[in-house]
Amino acid sequence: MSTTVLQTKTIKSIPALLGEVDIIKAIQLLPGVQSGTEGSSGMYVRGGGPDQNLILLDGIPVYNVNHLFGFFSIFNVDAINNVQLIKGGFPARYGGRL
């Protein structure tokens, strides 16, 4: 429940700033997710704070996803197959993080 899977083909079709596709900005366009203030790329998932988000890349936590005030992504879209966003009913293996 409350899980959304985005394919990279869908993410690449979204207009991007300076031609750089950003996965975090694409996630912020989904319902239940709000973007942070100007100059930061923080996400607010269903009322939580940006420090509560757990971002995994191949099962490894990524702690700092902000790069150059959110203008450029640290994720290479060509190297990622899909993106999974869980907005509710979080599994216990994630330790209570969003």
N, C-alpha and C. Protein backbone atom coordinates (compact mmCIF):
# COMPACT_ATOMS: atom_id res chain seq x y z
N MET A 1 0.83 -1.19 0.00
CA MET A 1 0.00 0.00 0.00
C MET A 1 0.87 1.25 0.00
N SER A 2 0.38 2.26 -0.63
CA SER A 2 1.06 3.56 -0.69
C SER A 2 2.46 3.47 -1.28
N THR A 3 2.68 2.54 -2.18
CA THR A 3 3.97 2.41 -2.84
C THR A 3 3.83 2.82 -4.29
N THR A 4 4.74 3.66 -4.74
CA THR A 4 4.76 4.12 -6.12
C THR A 4 6.09 3.74 -6.75
N VAL A 5 6.04 3.16 -7.93
CA VAL A 5 7.26 2.80 -8.66
C VAL A 5 7.33 3.63 -9.92
N LEU A 6 8.43 4.34 -10.08
CA LEU A 6 8.67 5.16 -11.28
C LEU A 6 9.75 4.49 -12.12
N GLN A 7 9.46 4.33 -13.39
CA GLN A 7 10.47 3.82 -14.32
C GLN A 7 11.32 4.99 -14.82
N THR A 8 12.55 4.72 -15.19
CA THR A 8 13.43 5.80 -15.65
C THR A 8 12.92 6.43 -16.95
N LYS A 9 12.19 5.67 -17.75
CA LYS A 9 11.62 6.24 -18.97
C LYS A 9 10.64 7.36 -18.63
N THR A 10 9.89 7.18 -17.57
CA THR A 10 8.95 8.21 -17.11
C THR A 10 9.70 9.42 -16.56
N ILE A 11 10.74 9.18 -15.80
CA ILE A 11 11.52 10.26 -15.20
C ILE A 11 12.22 11.09 -16.29
N LYS A 12 12.72 10.43 -17.32
CA LYS A 12 13.40 11.15 -18.40
C LYS A 12 12.46 12.01 -19.23
N SER A 13 11.16 11.70 -19.20
CA SER A 13 10.20 12.47 -19.99
C SER A 13 9.79 13.78 -19.31
N ILE A 14 10.15 13.97 -18.04
CA ILE A 14 9.81 15.19 -17.32
C ILE A 14 10.79 16.30 -17.72
N PRO A 15 10.31 17.51 -18.03
CA PRO A 15 11.23 18.60 -18.37
C PRO A 15 12.21 18.87 -17.23
N ALA A 16 13.46 19.13 -17.59
CA ALA A 16 14.52 19.29 -16.59
C ALA A 16 15.23 20.62 -16.75
N LEU A 17 15.80 21.09 -15.64
CA LEU A 17 16.58 22.32 -15.63
C LEU A 17 17.95 22.06 -16.23
N LEU A 18 18.35 22.82 -17.21
CA LEU A 18 19.64 22.72 -17.88
C LEU A 18 19.88 21.34 -18.48
N GLY A 19 18.82 20.60 -18.80
CA GLY A 19 18.96 19.29 -19.40
C GLY A 19 19.34 18.19 -18.44
N GLU A 20 19.48 18.49 -17.17
CA GLU A 20 19.89 17.52 -16.16
C GLU A 20 18.64 16.92 -15.51
N VAL A 21 18.44 15.62 -15.69
CA VAL A 21 17.29 14.93 -15.10
C VAL A 21 17.59 14.67 -13.63
N ASP A 22 16.63 14.99 -12.77
CA ASP A 22 16.82 14.84 -11.33
C ASP A 22 15.72 13.93 -10.77
N ILE A 23 16.14 12.83 -10.16
CA ILE A 23 15.19 11.86 -9.60
C ILE A 23 14.47 12.46 -8.41
N ILE A 24 15.16 13.20 -7.56
CA ILE A 24 14.54 13.79 -6.38
C ILE A 24 13.46 14.79 -6.78
N LYS A 25 13.72 15.60 -7.79
CA LYS A 25 12.70 16.56 -8.26
C LYS A 25 11.51 15.83 -8.87
N ALA A 26 11.74 14.70 -9.54
CA ALA A 26 10.64 13.92 -10.10
C ALA A 26 9.78 13.32 -8.99
N ILE A 27 10.38 12.90 -7.90
CA ILE A 27 9.63 12.36 -6.76
C ILE A 27 8.80 13.46 -6.11
N GLN A 28 9.32 14.68 -6.07
CA GLN A 28 8.60 15.79 -5.44
C GLN A 28 7.34 16.17 -6.21
N LEU A 29 7.19 15.72 -7.44
CA LEU A 29 5.99 15.99 -8.22
C LEU A 29 4.85 15.02 -7.91
N LEU A 30 5.14 13.95 -7.16
CA LEU A 30 4.13 12.95 -6.84
C LEU A 30 3.22 13.42 -5.70
N PRO A 31 1.98 12.93 -5.67
CA PRO A 31 1.08 13.30 -4.56
C PRO A 31 1.59 12.73 -3.24
N GLY A 32 1.45 13.51 -2.18
CA GLY A 32 1.92 13.10 -0.85
C GLY A 32 3.33 13.52 -0.55
N VAL A 33 3.99 14.16 -1.50
CA VAL A 33 5.38 14.61 -1.34
C VAL A 33 5.43 16.10 -1.63
N GLN A 34 6.04 16.86 -0.72
CA GLN A 34 6.22 18.29 -0.92
C GLN A 34 7.70 18.61 -0.97
N SER A 35 8.03 19.63 -1.75
CA SER A 35 9.43 20.05 -1.82
C SER A 35 9.75 20.97 -0.66
N GLY A 36 11.03 21.10 -0.39
CA GLY A 36 11.48 21.98 0.68
C GLY A 36 11.46 23.42 0.24
N THR A 37 12.13 24.26 0.98
CA THR A 37 12.19 25.68 0.66
C THR A 37 13.12 25.92 -0.51
N GLU A 38 13.12 27.13 -1.03
CA GLU A 38 14.00 27.48 -2.13
C GLU A 38 15.46 27.32 -1.70
N GLY A 39 16.27 26.77 -2.60
CA GLY A 39 17.68 26.59 -2.30
C GLY A 39 18.00 25.30 -1.57
N SER A 40 17.00 24.48 -1.29
CA SER A 40 17.26 23.18 -0.69
C SER A 40 16.43 22.14 -1.42
N SER A 41 16.88 20.91 -1.39
CA SER A 41 16.16 19.86 -2.09
C SER A 41 15.53 18.89 -1.09
N GLY A 42 15.16 19.38 0.09
CA GLY A 42 14.52 18.54 1.08
C GLY A 42 13.13 18.11 0.64
N MET A 43 12.73 16.91 1.07
CA MET A 43 11.40 16.39 0.75
C MET A 43 10.62 16.18 2.04
N TYR A 44 9.36 16.50 1.98
CA TYR A 44 8.46 16.25 3.09
C TYR A 44 7.46 15.20 2.63
N VAL A 45 7.60 13.97 3.12
CA VAL A 45 6.73 12.86 2.72
C VAL A 45 5.64 12.70 3.78
N ARG A 46 4.40 12.98 3.37
CA ARG A 46 3.22 12.82 4.23
C ARG A 46 3.40 13.46 5.60
N GLY A 47 3.92 14.67 5.65
CA GLY A 47 4.02 15.42 6.88
C GLY A 47 5.29 15.20 7.67
N GLY A 48 6.15 14.29 7.26
CA GLY A 48 7.41 14.07 7.96
C GLY A 48 8.42 15.14 7.60
N GLY A 49 9.53 15.13 8.27
CA GLY A 49 10.59 16.09 8.00
C GLY A 49 11.61 15.55 7.02
N PRO A 50 12.42 16.44 6.44
CA PRO A 50 13.43 15.96 5.48
C PRO A 50 14.50 15.10 6.12
N ASP A 51 14.69 15.20 7.43
CA ASP A 51 15.69 14.37 8.09
C ASP A 51 15.18 12.97 8.38
N GLN A 52 13.90 12.71 8.16
CA GLN A 52 13.34 11.38 8.41
C GLN A 52 13.35 10.48 7.18
N ASN A 53 13.73 11.00 6.03
CA ASN A 53 13.71 10.23 4.80
C ASN A 53 14.88 9.25 4.75
N LEU A 54 14.59 8.06 4.26
CA LEU A 54 15.63 7.05 4.05
C LEU A 54 15.75 6.84 2.54
N ILE A 55 16.90 7.14 2.00
CA ILE A 55 17.14 6.98 0.57
C ILE A 55 18.19 5.89 0.40
N LEU A 56 17.80 4.84 -0.33
CA LEU A 56 18.68 3.69 -0.53
C LEU A 56 19.06 3.60 -2.00
N LEU A 57 20.31 3.27 -2.26
CA LEU A 57 20.80 3.00 -3.60
C LEU A 57 21.38 1.59 -3.56
N ASP A 58 20.70 0.64 -4.19
CA ASP A 58 21.05 -0.79 -4.14
C ASP A 58 21.15 -1.30 -2.71
N GLY A 59 20.26 -0.84 -1.85
CA GLY A 59 20.20 -1.29 -0.47
C GLY A 59 21.15 -0.59 0.48
N ILE A 60 21.94 0.35 -0.01
CA ILE A 60 22.91 1.09 0.79
C ILE A 60 22.35 2.49 1.06
N PRO A 61 22.33 2.94 2.33
CA PRO A 61 21.80 4.29 2.61
C PRO A 61 22.67 5.39 2.00
N VAL A 62 22.01 6.38 1.42
CA VAL A 62 22.68 7.57 0.89
C VAL A 62 22.30 8.70 1.84
N TYR A 63 23.28 9.29 2.50
CA TYR A 63 23.00 10.26 3.55
C TYR A 63 22.85 11.69 3.05
N ASN A 64 23.58 12.08 2.03
CA ASN A 64 23.51 13.46 1.56
C ASN A 64 23.16 13.45 0.08
N VAL A 65 21.89 13.69 -0.24
CA VAL A 65 21.46 13.67 -1.64
C VAL A 65 21.43 15.08 -2.23
N ASN A 66 21.79 16.09 -1.45
CA ASN A 66 21.81 17.46 -1.95
C ASN A 66 23.15 17.72 -2.61
N HIS A 67 23.10 18.29 -3.82
CA HIS A 67 24.33 18.63 -4.52
C HIS A 67 24.12 19.96 -5.22
N LEU A 68 24.93 20.92 -4.88
CA LEU A 68 24.88 22.26 -5.46
C LEU A 68 23.48 22.85 -5.33
N PHE A 69 22.99 22.88 -4.10
CA PHE A 69 21.69 23.48 -3.77
C PHE A 69 20.53 22.86 -4.54
N GLY A 70 20.66 21.58 -4.91
CA GLY A 70 19.58 20.90 -5.59
C GLY A 70 19.49 21.15 -7.08
N PHE A 71 20.47 21.82 -7.68
CA PHE A 71 20.42 22.06 -9.12
C PHE A 71 20.82 20.82 -9.92
N PHE A 72 21.76 20.03 -9.42
CA PHE A 72 22.21 18.84 -10.12
C PHE A 72 22.00 17.63 -9.23
N SER A 73 21.67 16.51 -9.84
CA SER A 73 21.40 15.29 -9.10
C SER A 73 22.69 14.50 -8.90
N ILE A 74 22.75 13.76 -7.79
CA ILE A 74 23.89 12.87 -7.58
C ILE A 74 23.62 11.50 -8.18
N PHE A 75 22.38 11.26 -8.60
CA PHE A 75 22.00 9.97 -9.19
C PHE A 75 22.06 10.05 -10.71
N ASN A 76 22.72 9.10 -11.32
CA ASN A 76 22.78 9.00 -12.77
C ASN A 76 21.55 8.22 -13.23
N VAL A 77 20.67 8.86 -13.94
CA VAL A 77 19.41 8.23 -14.35
C VAL A 77 19.66 7.06 -15.29
N ASP A 78 20.72 7.11 -16.08
CA ASP A 78 21.03 6.02 -17.00
C ASP A 78 21.47 4.75 -16.26
N ALA A 79 21.93 4.87 -15.02
CA ALA A 79 22.39 3.73 -14.25
C ALA A 79 21.32 3.17 -13.32
N ILE A 80 20.16 3.81 -13.27
CA ILE A 80 19.09 3.39 -12.35
C ILE A 80 17.95 2.78 -13.17
N ASN A 81 17.45 1.63 -12.72
CA ASN A 81 16.38 0.94 -13.43
C ASN A 81 15.01 1.50 -13.05
N ASN A 82 14.75 1.63 -11.75
CA ASN A 82 13.47 2.20 -11.30
C ASN A 82 13.64 2.81 -9.93
N VAL A 83 12.63 3.60 -9.54
CA VAL A 83 12.62 4.29 -8.25
C VAL A 83 11.36 3.88 -7.53
N GLN A 84 11.50 3.47 -6.27
CA GLN A 84 10.36 3.06 -5.47
C GLN A 84 10.19 4.04 -4.32
N LEU A 85 8.99 4.60 -4.20
CA LEU A 85 8.66 5.54 -3.13
C LEU A 85 7.59 4.92 -2.27
N ILE A 86 7.85 4.80 -0.98
CA ILE A 86 6.88 4.26 -0.03
C ILE A 86 6.41 5.43 0.83
N LYS A 87 5.11 5.76 0.74
CA LYS A 87 4.56 6.92 1.46
C LYS A 87 3.80 6.54 2.71
N GLY A 88 3.56 5.28 2.93
CA GLY A 88 2.83 4.84 4.13
C GLY A 88 2.97 3.35 4.29
N GLY A 89 2.77 2.83 5.49
CA GLY A 89 2.91 1.41 5.74
C GLY A 89 4.34 0.94 5.55
N PHE A 90 5.27 1.64 6.20
CA PHE A 90 6.69 1.38 6.02
C PHE A 90 7.06 0.03 6.63
N PRO A 91 7.84 -0.80 5.92
CA PRO A 91 8.31 -2.06 6.49
C PRO A 91 9.25 -1.83 7.68
N ALA A 92 9.25 -2.75 8.62
CA ALA A 92 10.07 -2.61 9.83
C ALA A 92 11.57 -2.61 9.52
N ARG A 93 11.97 -3.20 8.40
CA ARG A 93 13.40 -3.28 8.09
C ARG A 93 14.02 -1.91 7.82
N TYR A 94 13.20 -0.90 7.61
CA TYR A 94 13.71 0.46 7.38
C TYR A 94 13.87 1.25 8.67
N GLY A 95 13.59 0.68 9.80
CA GLY A 95 13.85 1.32 11.09
C GLY A 95 12.98 2.53 11.38
N GLY A 96 11.76 2.56 10.87
CA GLY A 96 10.85 3.67 11.18
C GLY A 96 11.11 4.92 10.37
N ARG A 97 11.99 4.86 9.40
CA ARG A 97 12.26 6.03 8.55
C ARG A 97 11.32 6.06 7.38
N LEU A 98 11.07 7.25 6.83
CA LEU A 98 10.13 7.41 5.72
C LEU A 98 10.77 7.01 4.41
